[in-house]
Amino acid sequence: MNTVQSADGTTIAYDRSGEGEPLILVGGSFSERAHPTMTQLAGELAPHFTVFNYDRRGRGDSGDAAEYAVEREIEDLAALIAEAGGSARVFGLSAGGALALKAAAAGLGITQVALYDPPFVVDETGPRPPAGFTEKLAELSASDRRGEAVECFMVEGMGAPAEAVAGMKHAPFWAGLEALAHTLPYDTTILGQDFALPSEELGSLSVPVYVVHGGEADAWLQASAKATAEAIPGAQRHTLAGQGIAVDPAVLAPRLKDFFAG
């Protein structure tokens, strides 16, 4: 494990592997660097790039601050980019992709951005979180009702069927989801009011962007990927057949390699 200090003094933990041009992986909701998807993706890409797989603040071995702001997460990425030599390619998973786009729009030394399943709500097929959603998640987590926070996020924020989420509570991985419940308001803050597409921000991007989505993903996620790519000048889009929200790193990695190497 390696660490770097963000601008506000928060310690950000990361693993570094491989050789070549630097590539930073940004996890999504319920994701930390030790998550199998992230470790496997890092392993698939390490033969081609120097991969930085990090814990976003509040997760894993990284520190946190008393108050959250998207700007602090952008500064975290800036610190990693500086550690990588001043510029880097960036891949973001789900809400991590939204963060990567914000960082690129903020002018960080990001040379290319790829993302998988950006979770913006662009039409009536998507879930519209209720007013005060971020505050509700924060309150549930702060009052140690972490399971309720996870359930609320999945059902009201991501449109998962309530009965399916109820069944997850008895699964071995549920405890891991609860452990990250306090970071869910971070992702909803990044996504913004109603999870709406930040069209003006996306339209300002001048770096190459590659939007990938699963062919088996929910209709609203596929619509989001299409709208995201259309809003970014020159962006490319690709559908991964047979893949859903839980993407297979072995299937995704070759597409990322081709984009970043090209």
C-alpha atoms as a PDB file:
ATOM      1  CA  MET A   1       0.000   0.000   0.000  1.00  0.00           C
ATOM      2  CA  ASN A   2       1.134   3.541  -0.802  1.00  0.00           C
ATOM      3  CA  THR A   3      -0.231   6.865   0.423  1.00  0.00           C
ATOM      4  CA  VAL A   4      -0.359  10.453  -0.762  1.00  0.00           C
ATOM      5  CA  GLN A   5      -1.535  13.600   1.016  1.00  0.00           C
ATOM      6  CA  SER A   6      -4.438  15.525  -0.472  1.00  0.00           C
ATOM      7  CA  ALA A   7      -4.550  19.322  -0.335  1.00  0.00           C
ATOM      8  CA  ASP A   8      -6.556  19.349   2.911  1.00  0.00           C
ATOM      9  CA  GLY A   9      -4.152  16.923   4.600  1.00  0.00           C
ATOM     10  CA  THR A  10      -6.300  13.820   4.138  1.00  0.00           C
ATOM     11  CA  THR A  11      -4.306  10.635   3.536  1.00  0.00           C
ATOM     12  CA  ILE A  12      -5.282   8.808   0.352  1.00  0.00           C
ATOM     13  CA  ALA A  13      -4.243   5.151   0.089  1.00  0.00           C
ATOM     14  CA  TYR A  14      -3.491   3.465  -3.217  1.00  0.00           C
ATOM     15  CA  ASP A  15      -1.921   0.402  -4.798  1.00  0.00           C
ATOM     16  CA  ARG A  16       0.452   0.828  -7.719  1.00  0.00           C
ATOM     17  CA  SER A  17       1.084  -1.935 -10.222  1.00  0.00           C
ATOM     18  CA  GLY A  18       2.410  -2.457 -13.713  1.00  0.00           C
ATOM     19  CA  GLU A  19       4.571  -0.378 -16.026  1.00  0.00           C
ATOM     20  CA  GLY A  20       3.842   2.192 -18.673  1.00  0.00           C
ATOM     21  CA  GLU A  21       1.797   5.374 -18.850  1.00  0.00           C
ATOM     22  CA  PRO A  22      -0.172   6.107 -15.654  1.00  0.00           C
ATOM     23  CA  LEU A  23      -3.834   5.110 -15.371  1.00  0.00           C
ATOM     24  CA  ILE A  24      -5.954   5.937 -12.310  1.00  0.00           C
ATOM     25  CA  LEU A  25      -9.013   3.825 -11.408  1.00  0.00           C
ATOM     26  CA  VAL A  26     -11.892   5.603  -9.635  1.00  0.00           C
ATOM     27  CA  GLY A  27     -14.373   3.339  -7.878  1.00  0.00           C
ATOM     28  CA  GLY A  28     -18.119   3.873  -7.711  1.00  0.00           C
ATOM     29  CA  SER A  29     -20.669   3.467  -4.939  1.00  0.00           C
ATOM     30  CA  PHE A  30     -19.914   0.596  -2.521  1.00  0.00           C
ATOM     31  CA  SER A  31     -16.481   0.370  -4.085  1.00  0.00           C
ATOM     32  CA  GLU A  32     -12.996   0.531  -2.583  1.00  0.00           C
ATOM     33  CA  ARG A  33      -9.653  -0.502  -3.960  1.00  0.00           C
ATOM     34  CA  ALA A  34      -9.919  -3.999  -2.405  1.00  0.00           C
ATOM     35  CA  HIS A  35     -13.229  -4.689  -4.157  1.00  0.00           C
ATOM     36  CA  PRO A  36     -12.821  -7.666  -6.531  1.00  0.00           C
ATOM     37  CA  THR A  37     -13.917  -5.633  -9.559  1.00  0.00           C
ATOM     38  CA  MET A  38     -11.250  -3.009  -8.915  1.00  0.00           C
ATOM     39  CA  THR A  39      -8.435  -5.430  -8.079  1.00  0.00           C
ATOM     40  CA  GLN A  40      -9.220  -7.624 -11.078  1.00  0.00           C
ATOM     41  CA  LEU A  41      -9.440  -4.628 -13.391  1.00  0.00           C
ATOM     42  CA  ALA A  42      -6.107  -3.354 -12.106  1.00  0.00           C
ATOM     43  CA  GLY A  43      -4.606  -6.784 -12.750  1.00  0.00           C
ATOM     44  CA  GLU A  44      -5.973  -6.903 -16.292  1.00  0.00           C
ATOM     45  CA  LEU A  45      -4.580  -3.452 -17.122  1.00  0.00           C
ATOM     46  CA  ALA A  46      -1.235  -3.636 -15.287  1.00  0.00           C
ATOM     47  CA  PRO A  47       0.579  -5.340 -18.197  1.00  0.00           C
ATOM     48  CA  HIS A  48      -0.097  -2.236 -20.287  1.00  0.00           C
ATOM     49  CA  PHE A  49      -0.112   0.719 -17.854  1.00  0.00           C
ATOM     50  CA  THR A  50       1.107   1.831 -14.467  1.00  0.00           C
ATOM     51  CA  VAL A  51      -2.179   1.442 -12.616  1.00  0.00           C
ATOM     52  CA  PHE A  52      -3.128   3.489  -9.557  1.00  0.00           C
ATOM     53  CA  ASN A  53      -6.035   1.803  -7.768  1.00  0.00           C
ATOM     54  CA  TYR A  54      -7.024   3.981  -4.814  1.00  0.00           C
ATOM     55  CA  ASP A  55      -9.447   4.242  -1.934  1.00  0.00           C
ATOM     56  CA  ARG A  56     -11.610   7.303  -2.332  1.00  0.00           C
ATOM     57  CA  ARG A  57     -11.801   9.348   0.857  1.00  0.00           C
ATOM     58  CA  GLY A  58     -13.818   7.736   3.618  1.00  0.00           C
ATOM     59  CA  ARG A  59     -13.179   4.258   2.226  1.00  0.00           C
ATOM     60  CA  GLY A  60     -10.724   1.486   2.967  1.00  0.00           C
ATOM     61  CA  ASP A  61      -7.379   2.822   4.201  1.00  0.00           C
ATOM     62  CA  SER A  62      -7.947   6.429   3.129  1.00  0.00           C
ATOM     63  CA  GLY A  63      -8.781   9.170   5.589  1.00  0.00           C
ATOM     64  CA  ASP A  64     -11.704  11.556   5.556  1.00  0.00           C
ATOM     65  CA  ALA A  65     -12.694  15.058   6.655  1.00  0.00           C
ATOM     66  CA  ALA A  66     -15.403  16.272   8.995  1.00  0.00           C
ATOM     67  CA  GLU A  67     -17.364  17.756   6.095  1.00  0.00           C
ATOM     68  CA  TYR A  68     -17.670  16.502   2.536  1.00  0.00           C
ATOM     69  CA  ALA A  69     -17.248  18.548  -0.625  1.00  0.00           C
ATOM     70  CA  VAL A  70     -16.810  17.385  -4.218  1.00  0.00           C
ATOM     71  CA  GLU A  71     -13.873  19.772  -4.488  1.00  0.00           C
ATOM     72  CA  ARG A  72     -11.970  17.703  -1.913  1.00  0.00           C
ATOM     73  CA  GLU A  73     -12.382  14.552  -4.010  1.00  0.00           C
ATOM     74  CA  ILE A  74     -11.129  16.432  -7.047  1.00  0.00           C
ATOM     75  CA  GLU A  75      -8.114  17.477  -4.975  1.00  0.00           C
ATOM     76  CA  ASP A  76      -7.584  13.819  -4.059  1.00  0.00           C
ATOM     77  CA  LEU A  77      -7.378  12.974  -7.746  1.00  0.00           C
ATOM     78  CA  ALA A  78      -5.053  15.921  -8.304  1.00  0.00           C
ATOM     79  CA  ALA A  79      -2.703  14.556  -5.631  1.00  0.00           C
ATOM     80  CA  LEU A  80      -2.655  11.146  -7.303  1.00  0.00           C
ATOM     81  CA  ILE A  81      -2.026  12.712 -10.708  1.00  0.00           C
ATOM     82  CA  ALA A  82       0.891  14.654  -9.251  1.00  0.00           C
ATOM     83  CA  GLU A  83       2.221  11.406  -7.773  1.00  0.00           C
ATOM     84  CA  ALA A  84       1.896   9.823 -11.217  1.00  0.00           C
ATOM     85  CA  GLY A  85       4.053  12.523 -12.789  1.00  0.00           C
ATOM     86  CA  GLY A  86       1.622  15.341 -13.555  1.00  0.00           C
ATOM     87  CA  SER A  87      -0.755  13.718 -16.020  1.00  0.00           C
ATOM     88  CA  ALA A  88      -2.728  10.490 -16.244  1.00  0.00           C
ATOM     89  CA  ARG A  89      -5.513   8.613 -17.939  1.00  0.00           C
ATOM     90  CA  VAL A  90      -8.542   8.078 -15.705  1.00  0.00           C
ATOM     91  CA  PHE A  91     -11.225   5.391 -15.621  1.00  0.00           C
ATOM     92  CA  GLY A  92     -14.345   5.840 -13.486  1.00  0.00           C
ATOM     93  CA  LEU A  93     -16.903   3.205 -12.537  1.00  0.00           C
ATOM     94  CA  SER A  94     -20.506   4.420 -12.154  1.00  0.00           C
ATOM     95  CA  ALA A  95     -20.478   7.460  -9.831  1.00  0.00           C
ATOM     96  CA  GLY A  96     -16.684   7.343 -10.044  1.00  0.00           C
ATOM     97  CA  GLY A  97     -17.117   8.172 -13.725  1.00  0.00           C
ATOM     98  CA  ALA A  98     -19.130  11.251 -12.809  1.00  0.00           C
ATOM     99  CA  LEU A  99     -16.291  12.292 -10.492  1.00  0.00           C
ATOM    100  CA  ALA A 100     -13.713  11.710 -13.238  1.00  0.00           C
ATOM    101  CA  LEU A 101     -15.678  13.942 -15.620  1.00  0.00           C
ATOM    102  CA  LYS A 102     -15.874  16.709 -13.007  1.00  0.00           C
ATOM    103  CA  ALA A 103     -12.137  16.469 -12.429  1.00  0.00           C
ATOM    104  CA  ALA A 104     -11.454  16.722 -16.155  1.00  0.00           C
ATOM    105  CA  ALA A 105     -13.783  19.726 -16.435  1.00  0.00           C
ATOM    106  CA  ALA A 106     -11.907  21.332 -13.517  1.00  0.00           C
ATOM    107  CA  GLY A 107      -8.728  21.291 -15.584  1.00  0.00           C
ATOM    108  CA  LEU A 108      -6.729  18.533 -13.901  1.00  0.00           C
ATOM    109  CA  GLY A 109      -3.934  16.888 -15.876  1.00  0.00           C
ATOM    110  CA  ILE A 110      -6.209  14.201 -17.265  1.00  0.00           C
ATOM    111  CA  THR A 111      -5.342  13.148 -20.804  1.00  0.00           C
ATOM    112  CA  GLN A 112      -8.205  10.696 -21.430  1.00  0.00           C
ATOM    113  CA  VAL A 113     -11.334   9.640 -19.556  1.00  0.00           C
ATOM    114  CA  ALA A 114     -13.200   6.351 -19.795  1.00  0.00           C
ATOM    115  CA  LEU A 115     -16.298   5.497 -17.771  1.00  0.00           C
ATOM    116  CA  TYR A 116     -18.656   2.604 -17.283  1.00  0.00           C
ATOM    117  CA  ASP A 117     -22.404   3.006 -16.659  1.00  0.00           C
ATOM    118  CA  PRO A 118     -22.570   6.698 -15.705  1.00  0.00           C
ATOM    119  CA  PRO A 119     -25.689   6.884 -13.456  1.00  0.00           C
ATOM    120  CA  PHE A 120     -27.366  10.078 -14.655  1.00  0.00           C
ATOM    121  CA  VAL A 121     -31.151  10.119 -14.979  1.00  0.00           C
ATOM    122  CA  VAL A 122     -32.030  11.454 -18.431  1.00  0.00           C
ATOM    123  CA  ASP A 123     -35.582  10.225 -19.064  1.00  0.00           C
ATOM    124  CA  GLU A 124     -38.678   8.754 -17.444  1.00  0.00           C
ATOM    125  CA  THR A 125     -37.143   5.265 -17.224  1.00  0.00           C
ATOM    126  CA  GLY A 126     -34.743   6.363 -14.491  1.00  0.00           C
ATOM    127  CA  PRO A 127     -35.295   6.671 -10.738  1.00  0.00           C
ATOM    128  CA  ARG A 128     -35.760  10.232  -9.505  1.00  0.00           C
ATOM    129  CA  PRO A 129     -34.460  10.503  -5.935  1.00  0.00           C
ATOM    130  CA  PRO A 130     -36.831  12.350  -3.594  1.00  0.00           C
ATOM    131  CA  ALA A 131     -36.140  15.841  -2.252  1.00  0.00           C
ATOM    132  CA  GLY A 132     -33.639  15.796   0.597  1.00  0.00           C
ATOM    133  CA  PHE A 133     -32.274  12.418  -0.490  1.00  0.00           C
ATOM    134  CA  THR A 134     -28.634  13.195   0.289  1.00  0.00           C
ATOM    135  CA  GLU A 135     -29.541  14.576   3.712  1.00  0.00           C
ATOM    136  CA  LYS A 136     -31.644  11.497   4.454  1.00  0.00           C
ATOM    137  CA  LEU A 137     -28.779   9.156   3.621  1.00  0.00           C
ATOM    138  CA  ALA A 138     -26.395  11.155   5.779  1.00  0.00           C
ATOM    139  CA  GLU A 139     -28.812  11.123   8.707  1.00  0.00           C
ATOM    140  CA  LEU A 140     -29.414   7.386   8.492  1.00  0.00           C
ATOM    141  CA  SER A 141     -25.695   6.659   8.421  1.00  0.00           C
ATOM    142  CA  ALA A 142     -24.868   9.115  11.210  1.00  0.00           C
ATOM    143  CA  SER A 143     -27.509   7.540  13.467  1.00  0.00           C
ATOM    144  CA  ASP A 144     -25.991   4.092  12.870  1.00  0.00           C
ATOM    145  CA  ARG A 145     -28.894   2.954  10.693  1.00  0.00           C
ATOM    146  CA  ARG A 146     -26.475   1.887   7.998  1.00  0.00           C
ATOM    147  CA  GLY A 147     -28.602  -0.943   6.676  1.00  0.00           C
ATOM    148  CA  GLU A 148     -31.491   1.461   6.153  1.00  0.00           C
ATOM    149  CA  ALA A 149     -29.146   3.865   4.353  1.00  0.00           C
ATOM    150  CA  VAL A 150     -28.004   1.123   1.975  1.00  0.00           C
ATOM    151  CA  GLU A 151     -31.563   0.017   1.311  1.00  0.00           C
ATOM    152  CA  CYS A 152     -32.734   3.594   0.767  1.00  0.00           C
ATOM    153  CA  PHE A 153     -29.906   4.289  -1.674  1.00  0.00           C
ATOM    154  CA  MET A 154     -30.527   1.144  -3.695  1.00  0.00           C
ATOM    155  CA  VAL A 155     -34.316   1.418  -3.880  1.00  0.00           C
ATOM    156  CA  GLU A 156     -34.945   5.175  -4.003  1.00  0.00           C
ATOM    157  CA  GLY A 157     -31.704   6.236  -5.633  1.00  0.00           C
ATOM    158  CA  MET A 158     -30.875   3.428  -8.046  1.00  0.00           C
ATOM    159  CA  GLY A 159     -34.309   1.953  -8.743  1.00  0.00           C
ATOM    160  CA  ALA A 160     -33.578  -1.556  -7.446  1.00  0.00           C
ATOM    161  CA  PRO A 161     -36.673  -3.628  -6.586  1.00  0.00           C
ATOM    162  CA  ALA A 162     -37.377  -3.465  -2.851  1.00  0.00           C
ATOM    163  CA  GLU A 163     -37.882  -7.225  -2.604  1.00  0.00           C
ATOM    164  CA  ALA A 164     -34.523  -7.893  -4.254  1.00  0.00           C
ATOM    165  CA  VAL A 165     -32.742  -5.582  -1.829  1.00  0.00           C
ATOM    166  CA  ALA A 166     -34.522  -7.191   1.116  1.00  0.00           C
ATOM    167  CA  GLY A 167     -33.136 -10.536  -0.005  1.00  0.00           C
ATOM    168  CA  MET A 168     -29.596  -9.146  -0.059  1.00  0.00           C
ATOM    169  CA  LYS A 169     -29.652  -8.421   3.673  1.00  0.00           C
ATOM    170  CA  HIS A 170     -28.887 -12.054   4.448  1.00  0.00           C
ATOM    171  CA  ALA A 171     -25.991 -12.264   1.987  1.00  0.00           C
ATOM    172  CA  PRO A 172     -22.375 -12.299   3.236  1.00  0.00           C
ATOM    173  CA  PHE A 173     -21.546  -9.116   1.305  1.00  0.00           C
ATOM    174  CA  TRP A 174     -24.230  -6.999   3.028  1.00  0.00           C
ATOM    175  CA  ALA A 175     -21.937  -6.102   5.934  1.00  0.00           C
ATOM    176  CA  GLY A 176     -19.452  -4.664   3.449  1.00  0.00           C
ATOM    177  CA  LEU A 177     -22.158  -2.470   1.946  1.00  0.00           C
ATOM    178  CA  GLU A 178     -23.142  -1.186   5.378  1.00  0.00           C
ATOM    179  CA  ALA A 179     -19.503  -0.360   6.134  1.00  0.00           C
ATOM    180  CA  LEU A 180     -19.506   2.096   3.214  1.00  0.00           C
ATOM    181  CA  ALA A 181     -22.947   3.582   3.900  1.00  0.00           C
ATOM    182  CA  HIS A 182     -21.490   6.885   5.125  1.00  0.00           C
ATOM    183  CA  THR A 183     -19.963   7.476   1.662  1.00  0.00           C
ATOM    184  CA  LEU A 184     -23.269   7.189  -0.212  1.00  0.00           C
ATOM    185  CA  PRO A 185     -24.082  10.891   0.335  1.00  0.00           C
ATOM    186  CA  TYR A 186     -20.719  11.655  -1.267  1.00  0.00           C
ATOM    187  CA  ASP A 187     -21.811  10.003  -4.506  1.00  0.00           C
ATOM    188  CA  THR A 188     -25.256  11.605  -4.505  1.00  0.00           C
ATOM    189  CA  THR A 189     -23.581  14.983  -3.993  1.00  0.00           C
ATOM    190  CA  ILE A 190     -21.381  14.336  -7.021  1.00  0.00           C
ATOM    191  CA  LEU A 191     -24.408  13.365  -9.113  1.00  0.00           C
ATOM    192  CA  GLY A 192     -26.301  16.466  -8.024  1.00  0.00           C
ATOM    193  CA  GLN A 193     -29.964  17.360  -7.842  1.00  0.00           C
ATOM    194  CA  ASP A 194     -32.187  14.674  -9.414  1.00  0.00           C
ATOM    195  CA  PHE A 195     -29.028  12.974 -10.795  1.00  0.00           C
ATOM    196  CA  ALA A 196     -29.534  15.177 -13.859  1.00  0.00           C
ATOM    197  CA  LEU A 197     -27.085  15.156 -16.769  1.00  0.00           C
ATOM    198  CA  PRO A 198     -24.629  18.082 -16.316  1.00  0.00           C
ATOM    199  CA  SER A 199     -24.872  19.029 -19.979  1.00  0.00           C
ATOM    200  CA  GLU A 200     -23.044  22.367 -19.761  1.00  0.00           C
ATOM    201  CA  GLU A 201     -20.143  20.861 -17.824  1.00  0.00           C
ATOM    202  CA  LEU A 202     -19.884  17.926 -20.207  1.00  0.00           C
ATOM    203  CA  GLY A 203     -20.008  20.216 -23.206  1.00  0.00           C
ATOM    204  CA  SER A 204     -16.924  22.036 -21.931  1.00  0.00           C
ATOM    205  CA  LEU A 205     -14.722  18.936 -21.998  1.00  0.00           C
ATOM    206  CA  SER A 206     -11.864  18.915 -24.488  1.00  0.00           C
ATOM    207  CA  VAL A 207     -10.183  15.599 -23.593  1.00  0.00           C
ATOM    208  CA  PRO A 208     -11.029  12.317 -25.343  1.00  0.00           C
ATOM    209  CA  VAL A 209     -13.849  10.494 -23.552  1.00  0.00           C
ATOM    210  CA  TYR A 210     -14.985   6.890 -23.931  1.00  0.00           C
ATOM    211  CA  VAL A 211     -18.382   5.895 -22.524  1.00  0.00           C
ATOM    212  CA  VAL A 212     -18.958   2.158 -22.049  1.00  0.00           C
ATOM    213  CA  HIS A 213     -22.193   0.588 -20.839  1.00  0.00           C
ATOM    214  CA  GLY A 214     -23.570  -2.879 -20.387  1.00  0.00           C
ATOM    215  CA  GLY A 215     -25.966  -4.259 -22.939  1.00  0.00           C
ATOM    216  CA  GLU A 216     -27.865  -5.957 -20.104  1.00  0.00           C
ATOM    217  CA  ALA A 217     -27.947  -2.866 -17.885  1.00  0.00           C
ATOM    218  CA  ASP A 218     -31.259  -1.255 -16.944  1.00  0.00           C
ATOM    219  CA  ALA A 219     -32.793   0.903 -19.652  1.00  0.00           C
ATOM    220  CA  TRP A 220     -32.122   4.118 -17.712  1.00  0.00           C
ATOM    221  CA  LEU A 221     -28.405   3.367 -17.471  1.00  0.00           C
ATOM    222  CA  GLN A 222     -28.206   2.691 -21.192  1.00  0.00           C
ATOM    223  CA  ALA A 223     -30.055   5.946 -21.867  1.00  0.00           C
ATOM    224  CA  SER A 224     -27.631   7.727 -19.537  1.00  0.00           C
ATOM    225  CA  ALA A 225     -24.591   6.386 -21.391  1.00  0.00           C
ATOM    226  CA  LYS A 226     -26.010   7.492 -24.726  1.00  0.00           C
ATOM    227  CA  ALA A 227     -26.912  10.976 -23.472  1.00  0.00           C
ATOM    228  CA  THR A 228     -23.529  11.373 -21.753  1.00  0.00           C
ATOM    229  CA  ALA A 229     -21.633  10.528 -24.929  1.00  0.00           C
ATOM    230  CA  GLU A 230     -23.820  12.846 -27.003  1.00  0.00           C
ATOM    231  CA  ALA A 231     -23.219  15.747 -24.604  1.00  0.00           C
ATOM    232  CA  ILE A 232     -19.398  15.480 -24.800  1.00  0.00           C
ATOM    233  CA  PRO A 233     -17.714  16.799 -27.952  1.00  0.00           C
ATOM    234  CA  GLY A 234     -16.139  13.922 -29.880  1.00  0.00           C
ATOM    235  CA  ALA A 235     -16.912  11.265 -27.264  1.00  0.00           C
ATOM    236  CA  GLN A 236     -16.998   7.604 -28.232  1.00  0.00           C
ATOM    237  CA  ARG A 237     -19.528   5.076 -26.914  1.00  0.00           C
ATOM    238  CA  HIS A 238     -19.488   1.287 -26.801  1.00  0.00           C
ATOM    239  CA  THR A 239     -21.998  -1.327 -25.644  1.00  0.00           C
ATOM    240  CA  LEU A 240     -20.602  -4.398 -23.893  1.00  0.00           C
ATOM    241  CA  ALA A 241     -22.888  -7.237 -24.901  1.00  0.00           C
ATOM    242  CA  GLY A 242     -24.007  -9.496 -22.075  1.00  0.00           C
ATOM    243  CA  GLN A 243     -22.776  -7.162 -19.333  1.00  0.00           C
ATOM    244  CA  GLY A 244     -24.821  -5.498 -16.617  1.00  0.00           C
ATOM    245  CA  ILE A 245     -24.018  -3.223 -13.710  1.00  0.00           C
ATOM    246  CA  ALA A 246     -21.642  -5.848 -12.263  1.00  0.00           C
ATOM    247  CA  VAL A 247     -19.257  -5.799 -15.205  1.00  0.00           C
ATOM    248  CA  ASP A 248     -16.708  -8.556 -15.798  1.00  0.00           C
ATOM    249  CA  PRO A 249     -13.255  -6.891 -15.632  1.00  0.00           C
ATOM    250  CA  ALA A 250     -11.896  -9.402 -18.164  1.00  0.00           C
ATOM    251  CA  VAL A 251     -14.488  -8.211 -20.677  1.00  0.00           C
ATOM    252  CA  LEU A 252     -14.128  -4.492 -19.934  1.00  0.00           C
ATOM    253  CA  ALA A 253     -10.326  -4.300 -19.771  1.00  0.00           C
ATOM    254  CA  PRO A 254      -9.601  -4.950 -23.480  1.00  0.00           C
ATOM    255  CA  ARG A 255     -11.918  -2.103 -24.480  1.00  0.00           C
ATOM    256  CA  LEU A 256     -10.200   0.243 -22.040  1.00  0.00           C
ATOM    257  CA  LYS A 257      -6.753  -0.862 -23.216  1.00  0.00           C
ATOM    258  CA  ASP A 258      -7.623  -0.145 -26.846  1.00  0.00           C
ATOM    259  CA  PHE A 259      -9.007   3.293 -26.025  1.00  0.00           C
ATOM    260  CA  PHE A 260      -6.224   4.413 -23.728  1.00  0.00           C
ATOM    261  CA  ALA A 261      -3.463   2.981 -25.930  1.00  0.00           C
ATOM    262  CA  GLY A 262      -4.973   4.632 -28.995  1.00  0.00           C
END
